Amino acid sequence: MSDLLQLVEHTLSEKLAEHISVIDMRGINPFTDWFVVATARNLRHADSLADEVANAAQKAGFPLRTREGAEGSSWILVDLNEVIVHIFTEEARAQYKLENLWGDLPIEEYSE
């Protein structure tokens, strides 16, 4: 497990993200090693989680490739190269079912 992945998981947990899942994309996706999927309590919480993850990564020396999803979006993507973070509201996560799309890959629930 990479240092960046641990940092992302810890930051999301510390900032009260819910249902944090990690999808192992190594060997499947040439652009990233891990997808991290987390649920925010509301739109404002989603924005805050995305900001916190991006700031924590950059402080630790990991570059931010991009952030997708405008303020107030129900799905925000934070691309940190080897880790891509998907932050959803509960409703959006149920709608898009990202874990089902990658259901044949190893998926772990984060627990501290």
N, C-alpha and C. Protein backbone atom coordinates (compact mmCIF):
# COMPACT_ATOMS: atom_id res chain seq x y z
N MET A 1 0.86 -1.19 0.00
CA MET A 1 0.00 0.00 0.00
C MET A 1 0.89 1.24 0.00
N SER A 2 0.54 2.17 -0.82
CA SER A 2 1.38 3.36 -0.98
C SER A 2 1.15 4.39 0.14
N ASP A 3 2.14 5.24 0.31
CA ASP A 3 2.03 6.32 1.29
C ASP A 3 0.89 7.27 0.93
N LEU A 4 0.75 7.56 -0.36
CA LEU A 4 -0.32 8.46 -0.79
C LEU A 4 -1.69 7.84 -0.50
N LEU A 5 -1.85 6.57 -0.78
CA LEU A 5 -3.13 5.92 -0.50
C LEU A 5 -3.46 5.98 1.00
N GLN A 6 -2.48 5.72 1.83
CA GLN A 6 -2.70 5.81 3.28
C GLN A 6 -3.07 7.22 3.70
N LEU A 7 -2.40 8.22 3.12
CA LEU A 7 -2.69 9.62 3.43
C LEU A 7 -4.13 9.97 3.04
N VAL A 8 -4.54 9.55 1.85
CA VAL A 8 -5.89 9.83 1.38
C VAL A 8 -6.92 9.18 2.29
N GLU A 9 -6.73 7.91 2.60
CA GLU A 9 -7.68 7.20 3.48
C GLU A 9 -7.78 7.87 4.84
N HIS A 10 -6.64 8.21 5.41
CA HIS A 10 -6.62 8.83 6.73
C HIS A 10 -7.30 10.21 6.69
N THR A 11 -7.02 10.99 5.68
CA THR A 11 -7.62 12.32 5.57
C THR A 11 -9.13 12.22 5.44
N LEU A 12 -9.61 11.34 4.58
CA LEU A 12 -11.06 11.17 4.42
C LEU A 12 -11.71 10.72 5.72
N SER A 13 -11.08 9.77 6.39
CA SER A 13 -11.63 9.27 7.65
C SER A 13 -11.65 10.37 8.71
N GLU A 14 -10.55 11.10 8.81
CA GLU A 14 -10.43 12.18 9.79
C GLU A 14 -11.48 13.26 9.57
N LYS A 15 -11.84 13.49 8.31
CA LYS A 15 -12.81 14.52 7.97
C LYS A 15 -14.23 13.97 7.84
N LEU A 16 -14.44 12.76 8.37
CA LEU A 16 -15.76 12.14 8.54
C LEU A 16 -16.44 11.69 7.25
N ALA A 17 -15.63 11.33 6.25
CA ALA A 17 -16.21 10.68 5.07
C ALA A 17 -16.75 9.32 5.52
N GLU A 18 -17.76 8.84 4.82
CA GLU A 18 -18.38 7.57 5.17
C GLU A 18 -18.14 6.55 4.07
N HIS A 19 -18.19 5.27 4.44
CA HIS A 19 -18.12 4.16 3.48
C HIS A 19 -16.95 4.31 2.51
N ILE A 20 -15.75 4.40 3.06
CA ILE A 20 -14.55 4.57 2.24
C ILE A 20 -14.15 3.20 1.69
N SER A 21 -14.10 3.09 0.36
CA SER A 21 -13.71 1.86 -0.32
C SER A 21 -12.49 2.11 -1.17
N VAL A 22 -11.66 1.10 -1.30
CA VAL A 22 -10.46 1.19 -2.13
C VAL A 22 -10.53 0.09 -3.18
N ILE A 23 -10.42 0.48 -4.44
CA ILE A 23 -10.43 -0.47 -5.56
C ILE A 23 -9.01 -0.54 -6.12
N ASP A 24 -8.45 -1.74 -6.14
CA ASP A 24 -7.10 -1.96 -6.64
C ASP A 24 -7.12 -2.00 -8.17
N MET A 25 -6.57 -0.96 -8.78
CA MET A 25 -6.58 -0.83 -10.24
C MET A 25 -5.24 -1.21 -10.86
N ARG A 26 -4.29 -1.64 -10.03
CA ARG A 26 -2.97 -2.00 -10.56
C ARG A 26 -3.10 -3.13 -11.56
N GLY A 27 -2.44 -2.98 -12.67
CA GLY A 27 -2.48 -4.00 -13.71
C GLY A 27 -3.70 -3.91 -14.62
N ILE A 28 -4.66 -3.07 -14.29
CA ILE A 28 -5.88 -2.92 -15.08
C ILE A 28 -5.91 -1.56 -15.78
N ASN A 29 -5.54 -0.53 -15.05
CA ASN A 29 -5.64 0.83 -15.55
C ASN A 29 -4.23 1.43 -15.66
N PRO A 30 -3.80 1.86 -16.83
CA PRO A 30 -2.44 2.39 -16.97
C PRO A 30 -2.26 3.79 -16.38
N PHE A 31 -3.34 4.45 -15.97
CA PHE A 31 -3.25 5.83 -15.49
C PHE A 31 -3.22 5.96 -13.98
N THR A 32 -3.62 4.91 -13.26
CA THR A 32 -3.68 5.01 -11.80
C THR A 32 -3.58 3.62 -11.18
N ASP A 33 -3.23 3.58 -9.90
CA ASP A 33 -3.14 2.32 -9.17
C ASP A 33 -4.36 2.05 -8.31
N TRP A 34 -4.98 3.11 -7.82
CA TRP A 34 -6.07 2.94 -6.85
C TRP A 34 -7.21 3.91 -7.14
N PHE A 35 -8.42 3.44 -6.99
CA PHE A 35 -9.60 4.30 -6.89
C PHE A 35 -10.01 4.27 -5.43
N VAL A 36 -10.25 5.43 -4.87
CA VAL A 36 -10.82 5.53 -3.53
C VAL A 36 -12.19 6.15 -3.69
N VAL A 37 -13.20 5.50 -3.14
CA VAL A 37 -14.58 5.97 -3.24
C VAL A 37 -15.07 6.26 -1.83
N ALA A 38 -15.64 7.44 -1.64
CA ALA A 38 -16.12 7.84 -0.31
C ALA A 38 -17.43 8.59 -0.44
N THR A 39 -18.20 8.54 0.63
CA THR A 39 -19.49 9.22 0.68
C THR A 39 -19.42 10.44 1.59
N ALA A 40 -19.92 11.56 1.07
CA ALA A 40 -20.04 12.79 1.85
C ALA A 40 -21.48 12.93 2.35
N ARG A 41 -21.65 13.63 3.46
CA ARG A 41 -22.99 13.80 4.04
C ARG A 41 -23.87 14.75 3.26
N ASN A 42 -23.24 15.69 2.55
CA ASN A 42 -24.00 16.66 1.75
C ASN A 42 -23.03 17.33 0.77
N LEU A 43 -23.53 18.24 -0.05
CA LEU A 43 -22.70 18.87 -1.07
C LEU A 43 -21.55 19.68 -0.48
N ARG A 44 -21.81 20.40 0.57
CA ARG A 44 -20.77 21.19 1.22
C ARG A 44 -19.67 20.29 1.79
N HIS A 45 -20.08 19.18 2.38
CA HIS A 45 -19.12 18.22 2.92
C HIS A 45 -18.28 17.62 1.78
N ALA A 46 -18.89 17.35 0.63
CA ALA A 46 -18.14 16.82 -0.52
C ALA A 46 -17.06 17.80 -0.95
N ASP A 47 -17.40 19.08 -1.05
CA ASP A 47 -16.42 20.10 -1.42
C ASP A 47 -15.27 20.14 -0.41
N SER A 48 -15.62 20.10 0.85
CA SER A 48 -14.62 20.16 1.91
C SER A 48 -13.70 18.95 1.86
N LEU A 49 -14.27 17.76 1.66
CA LEU A 49 -13.45 16.55 1.58
C LEU A 49 -12.47 16.63 0.41
N ALA A 50 -12.93 17.09 -0.73
CA ALA A 50 -12.06 17.22 -1.91
C ALA A 50 -10.93 18.20 -1.63
N ASP A 51 -11.26 19.33 -1.03
CA ASP A 51 -10.23 20.32 -0.69
C ASP A 51 -9.21 19.75 0.29
N GLU A 52 -9.69 19.08 1.31
CA GLU A 52 -8.79 18.52 2.34
C GLU A 52 -7.86 17.47 1.76
N VAL A 53 -8.38 16.59 0.90
CA VAL A 53 -7.55 15.55 0.29
C VAL A 53 -6.49 16.19 -0.60
N ALA A 54 -6.89 17.13 -1.45
CA ALA A 54 -5.94 17.80 -2.35
C ALA A 54 -4.87 18.54 -1.56
N ASN A 55 -5.27 19.27 -0.52
CA ASN A 55 -4.31 20.03 0.29
C ASN A 55 -3.35 19.12 1.03
N ALA A 56 -3.86 18.05 1.63
CA ALA A 56 -3.00 17.11 2.38
C ALA A 56 -1.99 16.46 1.44
N ALA A 57 -2.42 16.07 0.26
CA ALA A 57 -1.51 15.45 -0.70
C ALA A 57 -0.43 16.42 -1.14
N GLN A 58 -0.83 17.64 -1.47
CA GLN A 58 0.14 18.62 -1.93
C GLN A 58 1.13 18.99 -0.83
N LYS A 59 0.66 19.10 0.41
CA LYS A 59 1.56 19.38 1.54
C LYS A 59 2.59 18.28 1.71
N ALA A 60 2.20 17.04 1.41
CA ALA A 60 3.10 15.90 1.54
C ALA A 60 3.98 15.70 0.30
N GLY A 61 3.83 16.59 -0.70
CA GLY A 61 4.67 16.53 -1.87
C GLY A 61 4.13 15.73 -3.03
N PHE A 62 2.86 15.36 -2.97
CA PHE A 62 2.23 14.63 -4.07
C PHE A 62 1.49 15.62 -4.97
N PRO A 63 1.74 15.59 -6.27
CA PRO A 63 1.10 16.57 -7.15
C PRO A 63 -0.37 16.27 -7.40
N LEU A 64 -1.13 17.31 -7.56
CA LEU A 64 -2.54 17.21 -7.95
C LEU A 64 -2.59 17.31 -9.46
N ARG A 65 -3.10 16.26 -10.12
CA ARG A 65 -3.23 16.31 -11.59
C ARG A 65 -4.42 17.16 -11.96
N THR A 66 -5.57 16.88 -11.35
CA THR A 66 -6.77 17.66 -11.64
C THR A 66 -7.84 17.41 -10.59
N ARG A 67 -8.78 18.31 -10.56
CA ARG A 67 -9.99 18.14 -9.76
C ARG A 67 -11.16 18.38 -10.69
N GLU A 68 -12.10 17.46 -10.72
CA GLU A 68 -13.27 17.57 -11.59
C GLU A 68 -14.52 17.62 -10.71
N GLY A 69 -15.46 18.43 -11.13
CA GLY A 69 -16.70 18.60 -10.37
C GLY A 69 -16.71 19.98 -9.75
N ALA A 70 -17.63 20.78 -10.19
CA ALA A 70 -17.73 22.15 -9.70
C ALA A 70 -18.20 22.16 -8.25
N GLU A 71 -18.03 23.29 -7.62
CA GLU A 71 -18.52 23.45 -6.25
C GLU A 71 -20.02 23.13 -6.25
N GLY A 72 -20.43 22.31 -5.31
CA GLY A 72 -21.82 21.92 -5.22
C GLY A 72 -22.16 20.68 -6.03
N SER A 73 -21.16 20.02 -6.59
CA SER A 73 -21.40 18.79 -7.36
C SER A 73 -21.64 17.62 -6.41
N SER A 74 -22.43 16.67 -6.89
CA SER A 74 -22.69 15.47 -6.09
C SER A 74 -21.64 14.39 -6.33
N TRP A 75 -20.75 14.60 -7.30
CA TRP A 75 -19.63 13.70 -7.57
C TRP A 75 -18.42 14.56 -7.87
N ILE A 76 -17.39 14.44 -7.04
CA ILE A 76 -16.15 15.18 -7.23
C ILE A 76 -15.02 14.18 -7.36
N LEU A 77 -14.18 14.39 -8.37
CA LEU A 77 -13.03 13.53 -8.60
C LEU A 77 -11.77 14.33 -8.32
N VAL A 78 -10.88 13.75 -7.52
CA VAL A 78 -9.58 14.35 -7.24
C VAL A 78 -8.52 13.38 -7.76
N ASP A 79 -7.81 13.79 -8.81
CA ASP A 79 -6.82 12.93 -9.45
C ASP A 79 -5.43 13.26 -8.91
N LEU A 80 -4.87 12.32 -8.17
CA LEU A 80 -3.54 12.48 -7.59
C LEU A 80 -2.54 11.53 -8.25
N ASN A 81 -2.76 11.23 -9.50
CA ASN A 81 -1.94 10.34 -10.30
C ASN A 81 -2.12 8.88 -9.88
N GLU A 82 -1.39 8.39 -8.90
CA GLU A 82 -1.51 6.97 -8.54
C GLU A 82 -2.77 6.67 -7.74
N VAL A 83 -3.42 7.69 -7.22
CA VAL A 83 -4.69 7.53 -6.49
C VAL A 83 -5.70 8.52 -7.08
N ILE A 84 -6.85 8.00 -7.47
CA ILE A 84 -7.95 8.86 -7.92
C ILE A 84 -9.07 8.72 -6.91
N VAL A 85 -9.49 9.84 -6.35
CA VAL A 85 -10.50 9.86 -5.29
C VAL A 85 -11.83 10.29 -5.89
N HIS A 86 -12.86 9.49 -5.63
CA HIS A 86 -14.23 9.79 -6.06
C HIS A 86 -15.04 10.07 -4.80
N ILE A 87 -15.55 11.28 -4.68
CA ILE A 87 -16.35 11.67 -3.52
C ILE A 87 -17.77 11.91 -4.00
N PHE A 88 -18.69 11.15 -3.43
CA PHE A 88 -20.09 11.21 -3.83
C PHE A 88 -20.97 11.62 -2.65
N THR A 89 -22.10 12.24 -2.95
CA THR A 89 -23.16 12.27 -1.95
C THR A 89 -23.77 10.87 -1.92
N GLU A 90 -24.53 10.57 -0.91
CA GLU A 90 -25.12 9.23 -0.79
C GLU A 90 -26.01 8.90 -2.00
N GLU A 91 -26.80 9.87 -2.43
CA GLU A 91 -27.70 9.66 -3.56
C GLU A 91 -26.93 9.40 -4.86
N ALA A 92 -25.88 10.18 -5.10
CA ALA A 92 -25.09 10.02 -6.32
C ALA A 92 -24.34 8.69 -6.32
N ARG A 93 -23.84 8.29 -5.16
CA ARG A 93 -23.12 7.01 -5.09
C ARG A 93 -24.06 5.86 -5.40
N ALA A 94 -25.28 5.93 -4.90
CA ALA A 94 -26.27 4.89 -5.19
C ALA A 94 -26.65 4.90 -6.67
N GLN A 95 -26.69 6.07 -7.28
CA GLN A 95 -27.05 6.18 -8.69
C GLN A 95 -25.96 5.64 -9.61
N TYR A 96 -24.71 6.04 -9.39
CA TYR A 96 -23.63 5.68 -10.30
C TYR A 96 -23.04 4.30 -10.05
N LYS A 97 -23.09 3.82 -8.82
CA LYS A 97 -22.65 2.45 -8.47
C LYS A 97 -21.27 2.13 -9.05
N LEU A 98 -20.32 3.00 -8.79
CA LEU A 98 -18.98 2.85 -9.34
C LEU A 98 -18.34 1.52 -8.95
N GLU A 99 -18.56 1.08 -7.72
CA GLU A 99 -17.96 -0.19 -7.28
C GLU A 99 -18.50 -1.36 -8.10
N ASN A 100 -19.75 -1.29 -8.53
CA ASN A 100 -20.31 -2.37 -9.35
C ASN A 100 -19.65 -2.44 -10.71
N LEU A 101 -19.26 -1.30 -11.25
CA LEU A 101 -18.59 -1.25 -12.53
C LEU A 101 -17.27 -2.01 -12.48
N TRP A 102 -16.60 -1.93 -11.34
CA TRP A 102 -15.30 -2.59 -11.15
C TRP A 102 -15.43 -3.76 -10.19
N GLY A 103 -16.59 -4.37 -10.13
CA GLY A 103 -16.88 -5.42 -9.15
C GLY A 103 -16.01 -6.65 -9.23
N ASP A 104 -15.34 -6.88 -10.36
CA ASP A 104 -14.48 -8.06 -10.48
C ASP A 104 -13.07 -7.80 -9.94
N LEU A 105 -12.78 -6.58 -9.50
CA LEU A 105 -11.47 -6.22 -8.94
C LEU A 105 -11.52 -6.27 -7.42
N PRO A 106 -10.35 -6.42 -6.79
CA PRO A 106 -10.31 -6.40 -5.33
C PRO A 106 -10.77 -5.05 -4.78
N ILE A 107 -11.77 -5.08 -3.89
CA ILE A 107 -12.30 -3.88 -3.25
C ILE A 107 -12.23 -4.10 -1.75
N GLU A 108 -11.61 -3.14 -1.06
CA GLU A 108 -11.52 -3.22 0.40
C GLU A 108 -12.22 -2.03 1.03
N GLU A 109 -12.91 -2.30 2.11
CA GLU A 109 -13.52 -1.23 2.90
C GLU A 109 -12.45 -0.71 3.86
N TYR A 110 -12.30 0.58 3.95
CA TYR A 110 -11.32 1.17 4.85
C TYR A 110 -11.86 1.15 6.27
N SER A 111 -11.00 0.73 7.18
CA SER A 111 -11.31 0.83 8.61
C SER A 111 -10.02 1.17 9.33
N GLU A 112 -10.10 2.16 10.20
CA GLU A 112 -8.90 2.63 10.89
C GLU A 112 -8.61 1.77 12.08
